[in-house]
């Protein structure tokens, strides 16, 4: 009898313990209906990762004092399961290091995790599995509960095609040009000596005049004649001499112009004489190495009267002899100058020559002509030809790299950019190398190069903004994009949650791609604006049918999946 009574008492005690602490089966049943709050409610991808948090509310008298409950969330997608890290909670009587949930008061189980996103996860579920264990007994598995859908991957709408920077040409269709010659005279003489007409500059000047009439691209804008006397001798004599030199040079110039068939009138011809060329004298002395150079210059600065100047300088007898031999003869002259404009090839001529006779073009014409060509292969060929003909110019190599990058020939593009950089390092070339790094998936190197190349302007900022979207740093992206009207700029604003700002930016794009309409459809879904949603979704799938399948799975539109209009667009 004593033994029977003892067993009965023991059973009663165990029963009381299980009742007071909540039986394991009771806890299991309660665990399957626990309410979980997930943030965000629909899983989202940012920076290539999905981060979420879960709060499970444990009611009073739920958590057995001797139990340990382990949360085992998983992501189910495309027939696969991704197991996430587990987290355990324990009752008040368990000896362990896990967070404690009170039996009488209940509490909250908090969980958070981050996992790498895969494209297949766009249609997925977050399922919360759990197990309950008392001591060393076999854990009891709690049936899994779906607690969230996933994954919204709107950041993947980013265009990953970086912008390249083409180095500019210095092409001028109308170029100013000039030809000059000097006729020198004997002291106090104004007649042109025959030997002067045989000087190389005079002969070339005459030849130049003869070619003007038959050159349809050359336009004579002005002829200038300036006759001078040196500042030695009497002023009246020098006035007569300089005037005579003007006359003889004028006769020579007008006769040669007439012979060349040129019309010389007052509108383009100007002839004048300078009695004493003190300015020329000063310039010649400054450029010389004569002994009393500084003293002569001081005299010129102290006195403005020509007679006083001449007297003071002649008082330096030895120095004046040097001046008479080396300086003064150069001042007894008539300067002839023809100013003209050379009109270059028309755009049509340049396009023809760029393909048929590129060797006839100079570097500036080749670079400019490349910009006129519509055919990408012809443009690339012209840049490569220019790089071959002008190997010390970084521009054709860089520009060829831009074309290669657009054609997806990334390794060749990188080689071209590095060749350009070897000639001359510039922000433009570094920006392009940063773009190559982006295309090769090296975002660290790309960001380093682009940050060093902000002087390249909009392209560097655009590329950096794109990288920031990929990394999930949306405010930084918005800052880089600034006021650009670009799909990526609008996307960055949208990802910040600024629907109105994103729509305003996307509306300013002049030739929107399908993805721009798709983003505007998302804004319509987020703001419950069905007209905005359906109008733009229809435009997106009209431009690119791939957006039908995308929209069917995109949880941005989850509240509209059953709408007949939505179905009609994506079917």
Protein backbone atom coordinates (compact mmCIF):
# COMPACT_ATOMS: atom_id res chain seq x y z
CA UNK A 1 0.00 0.00 0.00
CA UNK A 2 2.78 2.38 0.77
CA UNK A 3 4.27 1.85 -2.70
CA UNK A 4 0.97 2.42 -4.43
CA UNK A 5 0.41 5.62 -2.51
CA UNK A 6 3.92 6.81 -3.42
CA UNK A 7 3.38 6.21 -7.12
CA UNK A 8 0.04 7.99 -7.05
CA UNK A 9 1.61 10.98 -5.39
CA UNK A 10 4.41 11.03 -8.00
CA UNK A 11 1.93 10.89 -10.86
CA UNK A 12 0.00 13.76 -9.34
CA UNK A 13 3.19 15.82 -8.96
CA UNK A 14 4.26 15.22 -12.61
CA UNK A 15 0.74 15.99 -13.75
CA UNK A 16 0.80 19.25 -11.84
CA UNK A 17 4.17 20.15 -13.34
CA UNK A 18 3.01 19.48 -16.89
CA UNK A 19 -0.19 21.38 -16.30
CA UNK A 20 1.53 24.36 -14.74
CA UNK A 21 4.27 24.53 -17.31
CA UNK A 22 2.27 23.70 -20.41
CA UNK A 23 2.61 20.23 -21.87
CA UNK A 24 4.95 19.70 -24.79
CA UNK A 25 2.14 18.62 -27.09
CA UNK A 26 0.13 21.62 -26.05
CA UNK A 27 3.14 23.81 -26.85
CA UNK A 28 3.52 22.05 -30.19
CA UNK A 29 -0.09 22.70 -31.06
CA UNK A 30 0.22 26.30 -30.01
CA UNK A 31 3.48 26.78 -31.94
CA UNK A 32 1.82 25.89 -35.23
CA UNK A 33 -0.61 28.78 -34.86
CA UNK A 34 1.77 31.38 -33.46
CA UNK A 35 1.42 34.73 -35.14
CA UNK A 36 4.59 36.04 -36.80
CA UNK A 37 5.11 39.59 -37.97
CA UNK A 38 7.62 39.89 -40.81
CA UNK A 39 9.37 43.11 -41.79
CA UNK A 40 9.13 43.85 -44.63
CA UNK A 41 5.80 42.05 -45.10
CA UNK A 42 6.90 41.00 -48.59
CA UNK A 43 10.61 40.19 -48.80
CA UNK A 44 12.73 42.63 -50.78
CA UNK A 45 16.14 42.46 -52.40
CA UNK A 46 18.59 45.33 -51.98
CA UNK A 47 22.25 45.27 -52.89
CA UNK A 48 21.95 41.67 -54.05
CA UNK A 49 20.78 40.52 -50.60
CA UNK A 50 17.50 39.96 -48.81
CA UNK A 51 17.29 41.10 -45.20
CA UNK A 52 14.24 40.56 -43.03
CA UNK A 53 13.21 40.36 -39.40
CA UNK A 54 10.54 38.27 -37.69
CA UNK A 55 8.74 38.77 -34.39
CA UNK A 56 6.79 35.82 -32.95
CA UNK A 57 4.37 36.65 -30.16
CA UNK A 58 4.26 33.98 -27.45
CA UNK A 59 1.03 34.20 -25.44
CA UNK A 60 0.78 33.62 -21.68
CA UNK A 61 1.18 30.03 -20.51
CA UNK A 62 2.53 28.92 -23.86
CA UNK A 63 6.25 28.40 -23.33
CA UNK A 64 7.01 25.33 -21.25
CA UNK A 65 9.49 26.18 -18.52
CA UNK A 66 11.65 23.15 -19.33
CA UNK A 67 11.46 23.44 -23.13
CA UNK A 68 13.79 24.82 -25.75
CA UNK A 69 12.18 26.01 -28.98
CA UNK A 70 14.41 26.42 -32.06
CA UNK A 71 13.27 28.58 -34.99
CA UNK A 72 14.34 27.07 -38.34
CA UNK A 73 13.25 29.41 -41.15
CA UNK A 74 13.72 28.38 -44.78
CA UNK A 75 13.22 29.97 -48.19
CA UNK A 76 11.37 27.76 -50.65
CA UNK A 77 11.80 28.60 -54.31
CA UNK A 78 11.79 26.85 -57.69
CA UNK A 79 11.68 23.40 -56.08
CA UNK A 80 14.63 24.23 -53.83
CA UNK A 81 14.99 25.02 -50.15
CA UNK A 82 17.45 27.44 -48.63
CA UNK A 83 17.98 26.75 -44.93
CA UNK A 84 18.65 29.88 -42.92
CA UNK A 85 20.48 30.14 -39.59
CA UNK A 86 18.50 28.85 -36.61
CA UNK A 87 17.82 30.60 -33.34
CA UNK A 88 16.78 29.02 -30.02
CA UNK A 89 14.67 30.30 -27.12
CA UNK A 90 14.30 28.55 -23.76
CA UNK A 91 11.94 28.24 -20.85
CA UNK A 92 12.70 29.61 -17.42
CA UNK A 93 13.97 26.32 -15.99
CA UNK A 94 16.38 25.47 -18.78
CA UNK A 95 20.07 25.82 -18.03
CA UNK A 96 21.38 27.44 -21.20
CA UNK A 97 22.47 30.68 -22.85
CA UNK A 98 19.44 31.29 -25.06
CA UNK A 99 16.96 34.10 -24.57
CA UNK A 100 14.27 33.20 -22.03
CA UNK A 101 10.53 33.33 -22.63
CA UNK A 102 8.37 33.55 -19.51
CA UNK A 103 5.68 30.92 -19.04
CA UNK A 104 3.31 33.16 -17.15
CA UNK A 105 3.93 36.41 -19.01
CA UNK A 106 4.78 35.16 -22.47
CA UNK A 107 7.10 37.21 -24.63
CA UNK A 108 8.50 37.80 -28.09
CA UNK A 109 10.82 35.69 -30.16
CA UNK A 110 12.81 37.93 -32.47
CA UNK A 111 14.72 36.68 -35.48
CA UNK A 112 16.58 38.37 -38.32
CA UNK A 113 18.63 37.11 -41.24
CA UNK A 114 20.23 38.09 -44.53
CA UNK A 115 20.75 35.82 -47.51
CA UNK A 116 22.02 36.18 -51.06
CA UNK A 117 19.35 36.69 -53.68
CA UNK A 118 18.95 34.48 -56.74
CA UNK A 119 16.73 35.38 -59.66
CA UNK A 120 14.65 32.24 -59.12
CA UNK A 121 13.63 33.60 -55.71
CA UNK A 122 11.34 36.17 -57.28
CA UNK A 123 8.61 33.59 -56.60
CA UNK A 124 9.34 32.18 -53.16
CA UNK A 125 8.04 31.70 -49.64
CA UNK A 126 9.51 32.31 -46.23
CA UNK A 127 8.47 29.33 -44.10
CA UNK A 128 9.01 29.19 -40.36
CA UNK A 129 9.82 25.69 -39.16
CA UNK A 130 10.50 24.98 -35.49
CA UNK A 131 11.36 22.20 -33.10
CA UNK A 132 10.63 21.82 -29.38
CA UNK A 133 12.85 19.83 -27.06
CA UNK A 134 12.83 19.01 -23.35
CA UNK A 135 16.19 18.01 -21.97
CA UNK A 136 17.85 15.38 -24.07
CA UNK A 137 14.64 13.93 -25.42
CA UNK A 138 14.06 13.71 -29.15
CA UNK A 139 12.92 17.11 -30.46
CA UNK A 140 9.35 17.42 -31.62
CA UNK A 141 9.10 19.03 -35.05
CA UNK A 142 6.51 21.74 -35.50
CA UNK A 143 4.84 21.86 -38.95
CA UNK A 144 6.15 24.73 -41.05
CA UNK A 145 4.13 27.90 -41.40
CA UNK A 146 4.38 30.23 -44.37
CA UNK A 147 4.94 33.69 -42.93
CA UNK A 148 5.88 35.81 -45.98
CA UNK A 149 6.08 35.88 -49.75
CA UNK A 150 9.05 37.01 -51.76
CA UNK A 151 10.96 38.46 -53.34
CA UNK A 152 10.44 41.96 -54.73
CA UNK A 153 13.55 42.59 -56.84
CA UNK A 154 12.84 46.03 -58.27
CA UNK A 155 16.54 47.07 -57.94
CA UNK A 156 17.26 44.54 -60.69
CA UNK A 157 15.59 46.92 -63.14
CA UNK A 158 18.86 48.87 -63.09
CA UNK A 159 20.56 49.21 -66.44
CA UNK A 160 24.10 47.94 -65.96
CA UNK A 161 25.39 49.38 -69.24
CA UNK A 162 27.87 52.11 -68.24
CA UNK A 163 28.42 55.28 -70.20
CA UNK A 164 31.70 55.84 -72.03
CA UNK A 165 33.44 59.15 -72.68
CA UNK A 166 34.55 60.08 -76.19
CA UNK A 167 37.42 62.55 -76.38
CA UNK A 168 36.54 65.61 -78.45
CA UNK A 169 37.98 66.78 -81.73
CA UNK A 170 39.24 70.32 -82.35
CA UNK A 171 37.75 70.47 -85.82
CA UNK A 172 37.16 73.93 -87.30
CA UNK A 173 35.38 74.08 -90.62
CA UNK A 174 36.55 77.63 -91.22
CA UNK A 175 40.15 78.15 -90.20
CA UNK A 176 41.95 81.49 -90.11
CA UNK A 177 45.31 81.55 -91.84
CA UNK A 178 47.89 84.14 -92.75
CA UNK A 179 50.99 84.54 -94.90
CA UNK A 180 53.75 87.12 -94.26
CA UNK A 181 56.85 88.51 -95.87
CA UNK A 182 59.37 91.29 -95.10
CA UNK A 183 61.03 93.55 -97.65
CA UNK A 184 64.17 95.18 -96.27
CA UNK A 185 65.79 98.40 -97.50
CA UNK A 186 69.17 100.02 -97.51
CA UNK A 187 69.69 102.92 -95.10
CA UNK A 188 67.69 106.01 -96.10
CA UNK A 189 66.48 104.22 -99.28
CA UNK A 190 62.95 103.32 -100.36
CA UNK A 191 63.51 101.44 -103.60
CA UNK A 192 63.13 97.64 -103.53
CA UNK A 193 66.41 95.96 -104.30
CA UNK A 194 66.26 93.00 -106.71
CA UNK A 195 67.92 90.69 -104.22
CA UNK A 196 65.07 91.31 -101.78
CA UNK A 197 62.58 89.87 -104.26
CA UNK A 198 64.63 86.66 -104.29
CA UNK A 199 64.29 86.14 -100.54
CA UNK A 200 62.44 82.92 -99.64
CA UNK A 201 59.62 84.59 -97.70
CA UNK A 202 58.93 87.07 -100.52
CA UNK A 203 58.91 84.34 -103.16
CA UNK A 204 56.51 82.18 -101.10
CA UNK A 205 54.26 85.15 -100.51
CA UNK A 206 54.04 85.77 -104.25
CA UNK A 207 53.37 82.07 -104.91
CA UNK A 208 50.66 82.11 -102.29
CA UNK A 209 48.88 85.05 -103.96
CA UNK A 210 48.95 83.14 -107.24
CA UNK A 211 47.17 80.11 -105.69
CA UNK A 212 44.33 82.01 -104.05
CA UNK A 213 42.19 82.55 -107.14
CA UNK A 214 42.10 78.83 -107.97
CA UNK A 215 41.45 77.71 -104.41
CA UNK A 216 37.66 77.72 -103.85
CA UNK A 217 38.13 76.98 -100.15
CA UNK A 218 40.33 80.06 -99.54
CA UNK A 219 38.86 83.52 -99.00
CA UNK A 220 41.15 86.56 -98.79
CA UNK A 221 39.90 88.63 -95.86
CA UNK A 222 42.52 91.40 -95.75
CA UNK A 223 45.90 92.61 -97.04
CA UNK A 224 48.05 94.66 -94.73
CA UNK A 225 51.16 96.73 -95.57
CA UNK A 226 53.20 98.39 -92.84
CA UNK A 227 56.28 100.43 -93.88
CA UNK A 228 58.89 101.62 -91.38
CA UNK A 229 61.99 103.73 -91.02
CA UNK A 230 64.55 103.05 -88.32
CA UNK A 231 64.70 105.64 -85.51
CA UNK A 232 68.13 107.01 -86.49
CA UNK A 233 68.42 110.15 -88.58
CA UNK A 234 66.33 113.29 -88.83
CA UNK A 235 62.60 112.97 -88.28
CA UNK A 236 61.73 114.73 -91.56
CA UNK A 237 64.03 112.44 -93.49
CA UNK A 238 62.59 109.35 -91.83
CA UNK A 239 59.08 110.55 -92.61
CA UNK A 240 59.99 110.82 -96.29
CA UNK A 241 61.79 107.47 -96.30
CA UNK A 242 58.99 105.57 -94.59
CA UNK A 243 56.47 107.09 -96.99
CA UNK A 244 58.62 106.08 -99.96
CA UNK A 245 58.90 102.54 -98.67
CA UNK A 246 55.15 102.40 -98.33
CA UNK A 247 54.85 103.51 -101.96
CA UNK A 248 57.29 100.98 -103.37
CA UNK A 249 55.83 98.11 -101.34
CA UNK A 250 52.31 99.17 -102.32
CA UNK A 251 53.25 99.08 -106.00
CA UNK A 252 54.80 95.64 -105.60
CA UNK A 253 51.86 94.24 -103.66
CA UNK A 254 49.07 95.60 -105.88
CA UNK A 255 50.85 94.49 -109.05
CA UNK A 256 51.34 90.98 -107.75
CA UNK A 257 47.73 90.80 -106.53
CA UNK A 258 46.42 91.99 -109.89
CA UNK A 259 48.62 89.48 -111.72
CA UNK A 260 47.19 86.75 -109.47
CA UNK A 261 43.68 87.80 -110.48
CA UNK A 262 42.76 89.16 -107.05
CA UNK A 263 40.56 92.16 -106.48
CA UNK A 264 42.20 94.50 -103.99
CA UNK A 265 40.01 97.34 -102.76
CA UNK A 266 39.72 99.57 -99.73
CA UNK A 267 37.49 97.03 -97.96
CA UNK A 268 40.30 94.53 -97.56
CA UNK A 269 43.50 96.52 -98.19
CA UNK A 270 45.19 98.74 -95.66
CA UNK A 271 48.62 100.41 -96.15
CA UNK A 272 50.33 102.67 -93.63
CA UNK A 273 53.77 103.93 -92.68
CA UNK A 274 55.52 104.52 -89.36
CA UNK A 275 58.08 107.33 -89.40
CA UNK A 276 60.34 105.90 -86.69
CA UNK A 277 59.87 102.40 -85.43
CA UNK A 278 60.72 102.88 -81.76
CA UNK A 279 58.47 99.96 -80.72
CA UNK A 280 60.32 97.65 -83.05
CA UNK A 281 63.61 99.04 -81.78
CA UNK A 282 62.67 98.28 -78.18
CA UNK A 283 61.57 94.73 -79.03
CA UNK A 284 64.80 94.02 -80.89
CA UNK A 285 66.93 95.36 -78.02
CA UNK A 286 65.01 93.32 -75.45
CA UNK A 287 65.60 90.18 -77.47
CA UNK A 288 69.31 90.92 -77.97
CA UNK A 289 72.36 90.30 -75.85
CA UNK A 290 74.21 93.58 -76.49
CA UNK A 291 76.37 94.90 -73.68
CA UNK A 292 74.44 98.06 -72.69
CA UNK A 293 71.01 96.55 -73.20
CA UNK A 294 69.58 97.65 -69.83
CA UNK A 295 70.97 101.18 -70.21
CA UNK A 296 69.33 101.57 -73.64
CA UNK A 297 66.01 100.36 -72.30
CA UNK A 298 66.28 102.80 -69.42
CA UNK A 299 66.76 105.66 -71.89
CA UNK A 300 63.66 104.57 -73.77
CA UNK A 301 61.63 104.53 -70.57
CA UNK A 302 62.96 107.91 -69.36
CA UNK A 303 62.52 109.93 -72.56
CA UNK A 304 59.63 110.07 -75.01
CA UNK A 305 61.10 112.75 -77.32
CA UNK A 306 62.65 110.89 -80.30
CA UNK A 307 65.44 113.44 -80.76
CA UNK A 308 66.49 113.16 -77.11
CA UNK A 309 66.35 109.36 -77.31
CA UNK A 310 68.54 109.30 -80.41
CA UNK A 311 71.04 111.73 -78.88
CA UNK A 312 71.38 109.78 -75.64
CA UNK A 313 71.84 106.47 -77.46
CA UNK A 314 74.40 107.91 -79.89
CA UNK A 315 76.40 109.15 -76.90
CA UNK A 316 77.10 105.46 -76.21
CA UNK A 317 79.51 105.33 -79.14
CA UNK A 318 80.55 101.66 -78.96
CA UNK A 319 77.03 100.52 -78.26
CA UNK A 320 75.60 102.55 -81.13
CA UNK A 321 77.99 100.87 -83.54
CA UNK A 322 76.56 97.50 -82.48
CA UNK A 323 73.02 98.86 -82.89
CA UNK A 324 73.84 100.15 -86.36
CA UNK A 325 75.08 96.73 -87.43
CA UNK A 326 72.68 94.33 -85.62
CA UNK A 327 69.45 96.15 -84.78
CA UNK A 328 68.72 99.12 -87.05
CA UNK A 329 68.93 97.28 -90.41
CA UNK A 330 66.10 94.97 -89.30
CA UNK A 331 63.83 97.98 -88.78
CA UNK A 332 64.17 99.39 -92.31
CA UNK A 333 61.42 97.36 -93.87
CA UNK A 334 57.92 96.89 -95.20
CA UNK A 335 55.83 94.10 -93.67
CA UNK A 336 53.37 92.33 -95.97
CA UNK A 337 50.57 90.22 -94.51
CA UNK A 338 47.63 88.44 -96.11
CA UNK A 339 44.82 87.23 -93.82
CA UNK A 340 42.47 84.58 -95.14
CA UNK A 341 39.94 81.94 -94.19
CA UNK A 342 40.15 78.33 -95.32
CA UNK A 343 36.78 76.58 -95.53
CA UNK A 344 37.05 72.87 -94.86
CA UNK A 345 35.08 69.94 -96.21
CA UNK A 346 31.31 69.78 -95.84
CA UNK A 347 29.78 67.07 -93.67
CA UNK A 348 28.84 65.04 -96.72
CA UNK A 349 32.36 65.34 -98.12
CA UNK A 350 33.85 64.29 -94.79
CA UNK A 351 31.59 61.23 -94.55
CA UNK A 352 32.56 60.16 -98.06
CA UNK A 353 36.29 60.69 -97.53
CA UNK A 354 36.17 59.00 -94.12
CA UNK A 355 35.18 55.75 -95.81
CA UNK A 356 36.89 56.03 -99.21
CA UNK A 357 40.04 58.09 -98.57
CA UNK A 358 40.66 58.46 -94.84
CA UNK A 359 44.36 59.09 -95.45
CA UNK A 360 43.48 62.46 -97.01
CA UNK A 361 42.07 63.75 -93.71
CA UNK A 362 43.98 65.23 -90.81
CA UNK A 363 43.43 64.01 -87.24
CA UNK A 364 40.79 66.62 -86.38
CA UNK A 365 38.85 65.89 -89.56
CA UNK A 366 38.97 62.15 -88.87
CA UNK A 367 37.70 62.52 -85.31
CA UNK A 368 34.94 64.88 -86.41
CA UNK A 369 33.95 62.68 -89.36
CA UNK A 370 33.64 59.65 -87.07
CA UNK A 371 30.91 61.47 -85.20
CA UNK A 372 29.01 61.92 -88.46
CA UNK A 373 28.98 58.23 -89.35
CA UNK A 374 25.89 56.19 -88.48
CA UNK A 375 27.44 52.78 -89.02
CA UNK A 376 29.16 51.56 -85.85
CA UNK A 377 31.67 49.39 -87.73
CA UNK A 378 32.63 52.27 -90.04
CA UNK A 379 33.02 54.57 -87.05
CA UNK A 380 35.27 52.06 -85.27
CA UNK A 381 37.34 51.51 -88.43
CA UNK A 382 37.92 55.26 -88.79
CA UNK A 383 39.03 55.62 -85.16
CA UNK A 384 41.40 52.69 -85.58
CA UNK A 385 42.80 54.17 -88.79
CA UNK A 386 43.34 57.49 -87.01
CA UNK A 387 45.10 55.68 -84.15
CA UNK A 388 47.38 54.02 -86.67
CA UNK A 389 48.22 57.26 -88.49
CA UNK A 390 48.59 59.36 -85.35
CA UNK A 391 50.09 56.96 -82.77
CA UNK A 392 50.94 59.70 -80.28
CA UNK A 393 47.37 60.99 -79.99
CA UNK A 394 45.34 59.42 -77.18
CA UNK A 395 41.95 60.42 -78.61
CA UNK A 396 41.46 57.90 -81.44
CA UNK A 397 42.56 55.02 -79.21
CA UNK A 398 40.18 56.06 -76.46
CA UNK A 399 37.30 56.59 -78.87
CA UNK A 400 37.91 53.23 -80.52
CA UNK A 401 37.69 51.72 -77.03
CA UNK A 402 34.29 53.32 -76.49
CA UNK A 403 33.02 51.75 -79.72
CA UNK A 404 34.45 48.35 -78.80
CA UNK A 405 32.81 48.56 -75.38
CA UNK A 406 29.44 49.28 -77.00
CA UNK A 407 29.93 46.22 -79.18
CA UNK A 408 30.58 44.04 -76.13
CA UNK A 409 34.27 43.50 -76.97
CA UNK A 410 35.35 44.28 -73.44
CA UNK A 411 38.89 42.88 -73.51
CA UNK A 412 39.68 44.79 -76.72
CA UNK A 413 38.13 47.93 -75.29
CA UNK A 414 40.27 47.68 -72.16
CA UNK A 415 43.40 47.28 -74.29
CA UNK A 416 42.49 50.39 -76.30
CA UNK A 417 41.86 52.43 -73.16
CA UNK A 418 45.13 51.34 -71.60
CA UNK A 419 46.96 52.32 -74.79
CA UNK A 420 45.35 55.75 -74.61
CA UNK A 421 46.28 56.09 -70.94
CA UNK A 422 49.91 55.23 -71.75
CA UNK A 423 49.98 58.29 -74.00
CA UNK A 424 48.09 60.62 -71.70
CA UNK A 425 46.26 59.92 -68.46
CA UNK A 426 42.94 61.71 -68.22
CA UNK A 427 39.65 61.58 -66.34
CA UNK A 428 37.93 60.45 -69.52
CA UNK A 429 40.18 57.42 -69.98
CA UNK A 430 39.97 56.49 -66.28
CA UNK A 431 36.19 56.78 -66.47
CA UNK A 432 36.19 54.37 -69.41
CA UNK A 433 38.46 51.94 -67.58
CA UNK A 434 36.02 52.15 -64.67
CA UNK A 435 33.20 51.29 -67.08
CA UNK A 436 35.18 48.24 -68.25
CA UNK A 437 35.64 47.14 -64.63
CA UNK A 438 31.87 47.45 -64.13
CA UNK A 439 31.22 45.22 -67.13
CA UNK A 440 33.75 42.71 -65.81
CA UNK A 441 31.97 42.65 -62.44
CA UNK A 442 34.79 44.26 -60.44
CA UNK A 443 32.73 46.93 -58.70
CA UNK A 444 35.49 47.76 -56.20
CA UNK A 445 37.95 48.60 -58.96
CA UNK A 446 35.25 50.35 -60.95
CA UNK A 447 34.29 52.60 -58.06
CA UNK A 448 37.94 53.42 -57.37
CA UNK A 449 38.59 54.44 -60.99
CA UNK A 450 35.35 56.37 -61.38
CA UNK A 451 35.80 58.27 -58.13
CA UNK A 452 39.21 59.41 -59.40
CA UNK A 453 37.63 60.47 -62.71
CA UNK A 454 34.80 62.77 -61.62
CA UNK A 455 36.28 65.44 -63.87
CA UNK A 456 34.95 63.38 -66.79
CA UNK A 457 31.54 64.81 -65.97
CA UNK A 458 28.15 63.20 -66.35
CA UNK A 459 29.37 59.79 -67.47
CA UNK A 460 31.44 59.23 -64.32
CA UNK A 461 28.57 60.37 -62.10
CA UNK A 462 26.10 58.18 -63.99
CA UNK A 463 28.31 55.12 -63.67
CA UNK A 464 28.89 55.74 -59.96
CA UNK A 465 25.15 56.21 -59.45
CA UNK A 466 24.57 52.87 -61.15
CA UNK A 467 27.09 51.16 -58.88
CA UNK A 468 25.38 52.65 -55.84
CA UNK A 469 22.02 51.20 -56.96
CA UNK A 470 23.64 47.78 -57.36
CA UNK A 471 25.09 48.12 -53.85
CA UNK A 472 21.76 49.24 -52.42
CA UNK A 473 23.00 52.74 -51.49
CA UNK A 474 20.11 54.68 -52.97
CA UNK A 475 20.69 58.12 -51.46
CA UNK A 476 24.26 58.10 -52.73
CA UNK A 477 22.92 57.06 -56.14
CA UNK A 478 20.45 59.94 -56.18
CA UNK A 479 23.26 62.34 -55.30
CA UNK A 480 25.41 61.15 -58.19
CA UNK A 481 22.58 61.26 -60.71
CA UNK A 482 21.58 64.80 -59.74
CA UNK A 483 19.13 66.21 -62.27
CA UNK A 484 19.81 63.60 -64.97
CA UNK A 485 16.72 62.41 -66.84
CA UNK A 486 17.69 58.74 -66.93
CA UNK A 487 15.99 55.45 -66.17
CA UNK A 488 18.54 54.62 -63.48
CA UNK A 489 18.10 58.05 -61.91
CA UNK A 490 14.33 57.53 -61.70
CA UNK A 491 14.87 54.03 -60.30
CA UNK A 492 17.13 55.34 -57.53
CA UNK A 493 14.46 57.83 -56.49
CA UNK A 494 11.80 55.10 -56.62
CA UNK A 495 13.89 52.78 -54.44
CA UNK A 496 14.07 55.57 -51.87
CA UNK A 497 10.30 55.41 -51.67
CA UNK A 498 9.75 58.77 -53.36
CA UNK A 499 7.03 57.82 -55.85
CA UNK A 500 6.21 61.37 -56.95
CA UNK A 501 9.85 62.31 -57.45
CA UNK A 502 10.52 59.12 -59.39
CA UNK A 503 7.55 59.70 -61.67
CA UNK A 504 8.62 63.28 -62.32
CA UNK A 505 12.10 62.13 -63.29
CA UNK A 506 10.88 59.31 -65.53
CA UNK A 507 8.43 61.64 -67.28
CA UNK A 508 11.28 63.91 -68.40
CA UNK A 509 12.95 61.15 -70.44
CA UNK A 510 12.46 62.03 -74.10
CA UNK A 511 12.77 58.56 -75.65
CA UNK A 512 11.80 56.13 -72.88
CA UNK A 513 12.73 52.47 -73.09
CA UNK A 514 10.32 49.71 -72.09
CA UNK A 515 11.81 49.54 -68.58
CA UNK A 516 10.89 53.19 -67.99
CA UNK A 517 7.22 52.41 -68.66
CA UNK A 518 7.52 49.37 -66.41
CA UNK A 519 8.86 51.50 -63.56
CA UNK A 520 5.99 53.95 -64.02
CA UNK A 521 3.60 50.98 -63.83
CA UNK A 522 5.19 50.05 -60.48
CA UNK A 523 4.60 53.59 -59.25
CA UNK A 524 0.95 53.20 -60.28
CA UNK A 525 0.74 49.96 -58.29
CA UNK A 526 2.38 51.49 -55.23
CA UNK A 527 0.07 54.50 -55.28
CA UNK A 528 -3.06 52.50 -56.19
CA UNK A 529 -3.37 54.52 -59.42
CA UNK A 530 -4.81 51.93 -61.78
CA UNK A 531 -4.78 54.22 -64.81
CA UNK A 532 -1.08 54.95 -64.35
CA UNK A 533 -0.39 51.25 -63.72
CA UNK A 534 -2.27 49.76 -66.66
CA UNK A 535 -1.42 52.45 -69.22
CA UNK A 536 2.30 52.14 -68.61
CA UNK A 537 2.34 48.37 -68.21
CA UNK A 538 0.61 48.13 -71.58
CA UNK A 539 3.28 50.41 -73.09
CA UNK A 540 6.09 48.36 -71.49
CA UNK A 541 4.91 45.01 -72.87
CA UNK A 542 4.19 46.67 -76.21
CA UNK A 543 7.84 47.71 -76.47
CA UNK A 544 9.25 44.48 -75.04
CA UNK A 545 7.15 41.35 -74.54
CA UNK A 546 9.47 40.04 -71.80
CA UNK A 547 7.72 42.33 -69.35
CA UNK A 548 4.57 40.18 -69.61
CA UNK A 549 6.22 37.25 -67.84
CA UNK A 550 8.04 39.56 -65.48
CA UNK A 551 4.86 41.32 -64.41
CA UNK A 552 3.06 38.02 -63.78
CA UNK A 553 5.59 37.18 -61.05
CA UNK A 554 6.42 40.67 -59.81
CA UNK A 555 5.00 41.11 -56.32
CA UNK A 556 4.95 44.86 -56.89
CA UNK A 557 1.67 44.05 -58.68
CA UNK A 558 0.40 41.46 -56.16
CA UNK A 559 -2.73 43.48 -55.35
CA UNK A 560 -3.69 43.51 -59.04
CA UNK A 561 -2.97 39.93 -60.11
CA UNK A 562 -6.69 39.08 -60.14
CA UNK A 563 -7.78 42.25 -61.94
CA UNK A 564 -9.15 41.48 -65.39
CA UNK A 565 -7.33 44.43 -66.94
CA UNK A 566 -4.03 43.22 -65.51
CA UNK A 567 -4.66 39.71 -66.79
CA UNK A 568 -5.51 40.99 -70.27
CA UNK A 569 -2.20 42.87 -70.48
CA UNK A 570 0.07 40.04 -69.35
CA UNK A 571 -1.71 37.06 -70.96
